[in-house]
Amino acid sequence: MLKKLLIRGSVCLLGTATVLTWWTIHPGKSQSNSSDRIPPKFENGGNRLNISVETSAPATMRVEFTDHNKEFSSQEVVETWEKIPVGSRSWSVDVPAGVGGYIELDADNPNVGDTLMMQVSMNGEEVDQQSERLDHPLEPDYGFGLQDYFEHYSKAKRQMSGAGSEKAQ
């Protein structure tokens, strides 16, 4: 459990460092937008992404949208998030093919014994289900959360079952 938590924390920190580095050194206009609401539809839609969560601590749900149909230099990243209270919550987002990104559930100031559960499905088929329990106090600068990454949300089932799975651990 601690090893998985440390790996996930490291992946989150590495991803954050990579994004901050990119924002600092890339030329031109920013290609990133953000919103404090997860939208019911992204661009023209076409596929149904469902996310269900349950948390015993207040948390932040994040869903990123990157259109991988565009060239890397013109890809716009839309980062969305919502603060959520203790309990269950779900989102259904209509997303077009070729759009992917990170899905993260992070507990805000968790205590020992707190739990997180996240279930992701695409077009009615379960893609991933994760749950964790915080067994030890967090060390400074560590977080408690769950994360998935999908190159294309519409191909999430194939990505998770394929040999080259890019699921964040």
C-alpha atoms as a PDB file:
ATOM      1  CA  MET A   1       0.000   0.000   0.000  1.00  0.00           C
ATOM      2  CA  LEU A   2       2.724   2.482   0.974  1.00  0.00           C
ATOM      3  CA  LYS A   3       4.746   1.560  -2.100  1.00  0.00           C
ATOM      4  CA  LYS A   4       1.721   2.179  -4.386  1.00  0.00           C
ATOM      5  CA  LEU A   5       1.046   5.472  -2.628  1.00  0.00           C
ATOM      6  CA  LEU A   6       4.665   6.575  -3.051  1.00  0.00           C
ATOM      7  CA  ILE A   7       4.651   5.589  -6.734  1.00  0.00           C
ATOM      8  CA  ARG A   8       1.419   7.495  -7.356  1.00  0.00           C
ATOM      9  CA  GLY A   9       2.751  10.505  -5.483  1.00  0.00           C
ATOM     10  CA  SER A  10       5.941  10.408  -7.532  1.00  0.00           C
ATOM     11  CA  VAL A  11       3.994  10.177 -10.799  1.00  0.00           C
ATOM     12  CA  CYS A  12       1.883  13.179  -9.759  1.00  0.00           C
ATOM     13  CA  LEU A  13       4.967  15.206  -8.819  1.00  0.00           C
ATOM     14  CA  LEU A  14       6.745  14.275 -12.053  1.00  0.00           C
ATOM     15  CA  GLY A  15       3.688  15.247 -14.103  1.00  0.00           C
ATOM     16  CA  THR A  16       3.398  18.566 -12.275  1.00  0.00           C
ATOM     17  CA  ALA A  17       7.113  19.303 -12.780  1.00  0.00           C
ATOM     18  CA  THR A  18       6.811  18.481 -16.494  1.00  0.00           C
ATOM     19  CA  VAL A  19       3.796  20.761 -16.957  1.00  0.00           C
ATOM     20  CA  LEU A  20       5.416  23.620 -15.027  1.00  0.00           C
ATOM     21  CA  THR A  21       8.603  23.263 -17.075  1.00  0.00           C
ATOM     22  CA  TRP A  22       6.622  23.330 -20.320  1.00  0.00           C
ATOM     23  CA  TRP A  23       4.670  26.412 -19.252  1.00  0.00           C
ATOM     24  CA  THR A  24       7.918  28.142 -18.332  1.00  0.00           C
ATOM     25  CA  ILE A  25       9.927  27.466 -21.499  1.00  0.00           C
ATOM     26  CA  HIS A  26       7.459  27.090 -24.388  1.00  0.00           C
ATOM     27  CA  PRO A  27       7.234  30.057 -26.741  1.00  0.00           C
ATOM     28  CA  GLY A  28       4.074  31.822 -27.771  1.00  0.00           C
ATOM     29  CA  LYS A  29       0.541  31.992 -26.465  1.00  0.00           C
ATOM     30  CA  SER A  30      -0.512  29.622 -23.704  1.00  0.00           C
ATOM     31  CA  GLN A  31      -2.345  26.532 -24.963  1.00  0.00           C
ATOM     32  CA  SER A  32      -3.944  25.827 -21.576  1.00  0.00           C
ATOM     33  CA  ASN A  33      -7.337  26.834 -20.253  1.00  0.00           C
ATOM     34  CA  SER A  34      -8.949  25.952 -16.964  1.00  0.00           C
ATOM     35  CA  SER A  35     -12.391  25.823 -15.434  1.00  0.00           C
ATOM     36  CA  ASP A  36     -13.735  25.143 -11.943  1.00  0.00           C
ATOM     37  CA  ARG A  37     -16.528  22.983 -13.414  1.00  0.00           C
ATOM     38  CA  ILE A  38     -16.357  19.659 -15.225  1.00  0.00           C
ATOM     39  CA  PRO A  39     -18.477  20.222 -18.351  1.00  0.00           C
ATOM     40  CA  PRO A  40     -21.356  17.957 -19.466  1.00  0.00           C
ATOM     41  CA  LYS A  41     -20.005  18.232 -23.050  1.00  0.00           C
ATOM     42  CA  PHE A  42     -16.571  18.926 -24.491  1.00  0.00           C
ATOM     43  CA  GLU A  43     -16.400  20.366 -28.014  1.00  0.00           C
ATOM     44  CA  ASN A  44     -18.760  18.377 -30.302  1.00  0.00           C
ATOM     45  CA  GLY A  45     -19.032  15.301 -28.088  1.00  0.00           C
ATOM     46  CA  GLY A  46     -19.731  11.853 -29.471  1.00  0.00           C
ATOM     47  CA  ASN A  47     -18.731   9.411 -26.698  1.00  0.00           C
ATOM     48  CA  ARG A  48     -20.045   9.178 -23.143  1.00  0.00           C
ATOM     49  CA  LEU A  49     -17.367   9.327 -20.405  1.00  0.00           C
ATOM     50  CA  ASN A  50     -18.811   8.483 -16.971  1.00  0.00           C
ATOM     51  CA  ILE A  51     -16.902   9.013 -13.747  1.00  0.00           C
ATOM     52  CA  SER A  52     -18.234   7.968 -10.330  1.00  0.00           C
ATOM     53  CA  VAL A  53     -16.392   8.675  -7.104  1.00  0.00           C
ATOM     54  CA  GLU A  54     -16.845   8.121  -3.410  1.00  0.00           C
ATOM     55  CA  THR A  55     -14.715   9.800  -0.778  1.00  0.00           C
ATOM     56  CA  SER A  56     -14.624   9.943   3.005  1.00  0.00           C
ATOM     57  CA  ALA A  57     -12.744  13.272   2.934  1.00  0.00           C
ATOM     58  CA  PRO A  58     -13.386  16.482   1.016  1.00  0.00           C
ATOM     59  CA  ALA A  59     -11.624  16.142  -2.338  1.00  0.00           C
ATOM     60  CA  THR A  60     -10.872  17.690  -5.713  1.00  0.00           C
ATOM     61  CA  MET A  61     -11.922  15.963  -8.925  1.00  0.00           C
ATOM     62  CA  ARG A  62      -9.888  16.874 -12.017  1.00  0.00           C
ATOM     63  CA  VAL A  63     -10.564  15.949 -15.638  1.00  0.00           C
ATOM     64  CA  GLU A  64      -8.218  17.086 -18.408  1.00  0.00           C
ATOM     65  CA  PHE A  65      -9.152  17.352 -22.088  1.00  0.00           C
ATOM     66  CA  THR A  66      -6.472  17.353 -24.815  1.00  0.00           C
ATOM     67  CA  ASP A  67      -7.416  17.006 -28.496  1.00  0.00           C
ATOM     68  CA  HIS A  68      -4.835  14.564 -29.863  1.00  0.00           C
ATOM     69  CA  ASN A  69      -6.261  14.950 -33.395  1.00  0.00           C
ATOM     70  CA  LYS A  70      -4.341  18.225 -33.625  1.00  0.00           C
ATOM     71  CA  GLU A  71      -0.587  18.599 -34.057  1.00  0.00           C
ATOM     72  CA  PHE A  72       1.280  18.792 -30.753  1.00  0.00           C
ATOM     73  CA  SER A  73       2.159  22.467 -31.204  1.00  0.00           C
ATOM     74  CA  SER A  74      -1.518  23.412 -31.610  1.00  0.00           C
ATOM     75  CA  GLN A  75      -3.055  21.113 -28.993  1.00  0.00           C
ATOM     76  CA  GLU A  76      -5.085  23.007 -26.447  1.00  0.00           C
ATOM     77  CA  VAL A  77      -5.280  21.560 -22.951  1.00  0.00           C
ATOM     78  CA  VAL A  78      -8.436  22.256 -20.974  1.00  0.00           C
ATOM     79  CA  GLU A  79      -8.063  21.493 -17.275  1.00  0.00           C
ATOM     80  CA  THR A  80     -11.296  21.226 -15.311  1.00  0.00           C
ATOM     81  CA  TRP A  81     -11.828  20.587 -11.623  1.00  0.00           C
ATOM     82  CA  GLU A  82     -14.454  20.638  -8.928  1.00  0.00           C
ATOM     83  CA  LYS A  83     -14.162  20.687  -5.158  1.00  0.00           C
ATOM     84  CA  ILE A  84     -16.420  17.965  -3.760  1.00  0.00           C
ATOM     85  CA  PRO A  85     -17.659  17.187  -0.241  1.00  0.00           C
ATOM     86  CA  VAL A  86     -17.581  13.832   1.522  1.00  0.00           C
ATOM     87  CA  GLY A  87     -19.821  11.266  -0.163  1.00  0.00           C
ATOM     88  CA  SER A  88     -20.626  10.048  -3.653  1.00  0.00           C
ATOM     89  CA  ARG A  89     -20.617  12.071  -6.849  1.00  0.00           C
ATOM     90  CA  SER A  90     -20.692  11.325 -10.563  1.00  0.00           C
ATOM     91  CA  TRP A  91     -20.139  13.114 -13.863  1.00  0.00           C
ATOM     92  CA  SER A  92     -21.154  12.250 -17.399  1.00  0.00           C
ATOM     93  CA  VAL A  93     -19.206  14.062 -20.113  1.00  0.00           C
ATOM     94  CA  ASP A  94     -19.864  13.869 -23.845  1.00  0.00           C
ATOM     95  CA  VAL A  95     -16.380  13.838 -25.484  1.00  0.00           C
ATOM     96  CA  PRO A  96     -15.321  13.490 -29.125  1.00  0.00           C
ATOM     97  CA  ALA A  97     -12.976  10.769 -30.423  1.00  0.00           C
ATOM     98  CA  GLY A  98      -9.315  11.741 -30.208  1.00  0.00           C
ATOM     99  CA  VAL A  99      -9.659  13.628 -26.921  1.00  0.00           C
ATOM    100  CA  GLY A 100      -7.883  12.262 -23.853  1.00  0.00           C
ATOM    101  CA  GLY A 101      -6.127  13.307 -20.679  1.00  0.00           C
ATOM    102  CA  TYR A 102      -5.825  12.719 -16.952  1.00  0.00           C
ATOM    103  CA  ILE A 103      -8.637  11.888 -14.557  1.00  0.00           C
ATOM    104  CA  GLU A 104      -7.657  12.486 -10.918  1.00  0.00           C
ATOM    105  CA  LEU A 105      -9.364  12.325  -7.551  1.00  0.00           C
ATOM    106  CA  ASP A 106      -7.264  13.928  -4.788  1.00  0.00           C
ATOM    107  CA  ALA A 107      -8.266  14.073  -1.126  1.00  0.00           C
ATOM    108  CA  ASP A 108      -7.951  17.507   0.472  1.00  0.00           C
ATOM    109  CA  ASN A 109      -6.251  17.233   3.902  1.00  0.00           C
ATOM    110  CA  PRO A 110      -7.016  13.528   4.434  1.00  0.00           C
ATOM    111  CA  ASN A 111      -6.773  11.703   7.746  1.00  0.00           C
ATOM    112  CA  VAL A 112      -5.644   8.157   8.465  1.00  0.00           C
ATOM    113  CA  GLY A 113      -8.512   5.834   7.596  1.00  0.00           C
ATOM    114  CA  ASP A 114      -9.921   8.013   4.793  1.00  0.00           C
ATOM    115  CA  THR A 115     -10.866   6.198   1.595  1.00  0.00           C
ATOM    116  CA  LEU A 116     -11.191   7.081  -2.078  1.00  0.00           C
ATOM    117  CA  MET A 117     -12.964   5.146  -4.850  1.00  0.00           C
ATOM    118  CA  MET A 118     -13.118   6.046  -8.536  1.00  0.00           C
ATOM    119  CA  GLN A 119     -14.873   4.193 -11.346  1.00  0.00           C
ATOM    120  CA  VAL A 120     -14.477   5.205 -15.010  1.00  0.00           C
ATOM    121  CA  SER A 121     -16.601   3.924 -17.880  1.00  0.00           C
ATOM    122  CA  MET A 122     -16.798   4.809 -21.568  1.00  0.00           C
ATOM    123  CA  ASN A 123     -19.965   4.334 -23.603  1.00  0.00           C
ATOM    124  CA  GLY A 124     -21.432   2.133 -20.855  1.00  0.00           C
ATOM    125  CA  GLU A 125     -18.411  -0.195 -20.482  1.00  0.00           C
ATOM    126  CA  GLU A 126     -16.360  -0.108 -17.287  1.00  0.00           C
ATOM    127  CA  VAL A 127     -12.788   0.907 -18.058  1.00  0.00           C
ATOM    128  CA  ASP A 128     -11.200   1.125 -14.622  1.00  0.00           C
ATOM    129  CA  GLN A 129     -12.075   0.982 -10.950  1.00  0.00           C
ATOM    130  CA  GLN A 130      -9.685   1.958  -8.172  1.00  0.00           C
ATOM    131  CA  SER A 131      -9.920   2.376  -4.430  1.00  0.00           C
ATOM    132  CA  GLU A 132      -7.419   3.236  -1.725  1.00  0.00           C
ATOM    133  CA  ARG A 133      -7.400   3.648   2.027  1.00  0.00           C
ATOM    134  CA  LEU A 134      -4.947   5.933   3.795  1.00  0.00           C
ATOM    135  CA  ASP A 135      -3.247   3.676   6.339  1.00  0.00           C
ATOM    136  CA  HIS A 136      -0.490   6.040   7.546  1.00  0.00           C
ATOM    137  CA  PRO A 137      -0.235   9.797   8.072  1.00  0.00           C
ATOM    138  CA  LEU A 138       0.975  11.561   4.928  1.00  0.00           C
ATOM    139  CA  GLU A 139       4.523  12.836   4.909  1.00  0.00           C
ATOM    140  CA  PRO A 140       4.983  16.542   4.125  1.00  0.00           C
ATOM    141  CA  ASP A 141       4.457  17.375   0.423  1.00  0.00           C
ATOM    142  CA  TYR A 142       2.720  14.047  -0.329  1.00  0.00           C
ATOM    143  CA  GLY A 143      -0.827  13.588  -1.520  1.00  0.00           C
ATOM    144  CA  PHE A 144      -3.495  10.920  -1.388  1.00  0.00           C
ATOM    145  CA  GLY A 145      -5.305  10.327  -4.639  1.00  0.00           C
ATOM    146  CA  LEU A 146      -6.275   8.162  -7.591  1.00  0.00           C
ATOM    147  CA  GLN A 147      -5.290   8.815 -11.197  1.00  0.00           C
ATOM    148  CA  ASP A 148      -5.856   7.484 -14.716  1.00  0.00           C
ATOM    149  CA  TYR A 149      -4.441   8.668 -18.033  1.00  0.00           C
ATOM    150  CA  PHE A 150      -6.017   7.959 -21.395  1.00  0.00           C
ATOM    151  CA  GLU A 151      -4.519   9.032 -24.714  1.00  0.00           C
ATOM    152  CA  HIS A 152      -8.053   8.867 -26.154  1.00  0.00           C
ATOM    153  CA  TYR A 153     -11.045   8.532 -23.845  1.00  0.00           C
ATOM    154  CA  SER A 154     -12.967   6.799 -26.661  1.00  0.00           C
ATOM    155  CA  LYS A 155     -10.322   4.030 -26.745  1.00  0.00           C
ATOM    156  CA  ALA A 156      -9.937   3.750 -22.961  1.00  0.00           C
ATOM    157  CA  LYS A 157     -11.185   0.146 -22.721  1.00  0.00           C
ATOM    158  CA  ARG A 158      -8.687  -1.022 -25.348  1.00  0.00           C
ATOM    159  CA  GLN A 159      -5.886   0.995 -23.725  1.00  0.00           C
ATOM    160  CA  MET A 160      -6.519  -0.523 -20.288  1.00  0.00           C
ATOM    161  CA  SER A 161      -6.673  -4.094 -21.586  1.00  0.00           C
ATOM    162  CA  GLY A 162      -3.787  -3.726 -24.064  1.00  0.00           C
ATOM    163  CA  ALA A 163      -0.188  -4.751 -23.434  1.00  0.00           C
ATOM    164  CA  GLY A 164       0.970  -1.150 -23.852  1.00  0.00           C
ATOM    165  CA  SER A 165      -1.341   0.235 -21.198  1.00  0.00           C
ATOM    166  CA  GLU A 166      -0.474   3.789 -20.215  1.00  0.00           C
ATOM    167  CA  LYS A 167      -2.428   3.711 -16.987  1.00  0.00           C
ATOM    168  CA  ALA A 168      -0.748   5.852 -14.334  1.00  0.00           C
ATOM    169  CA  GLN A 169       0.110   3.785 -11.300  1.00  0.00           C
END
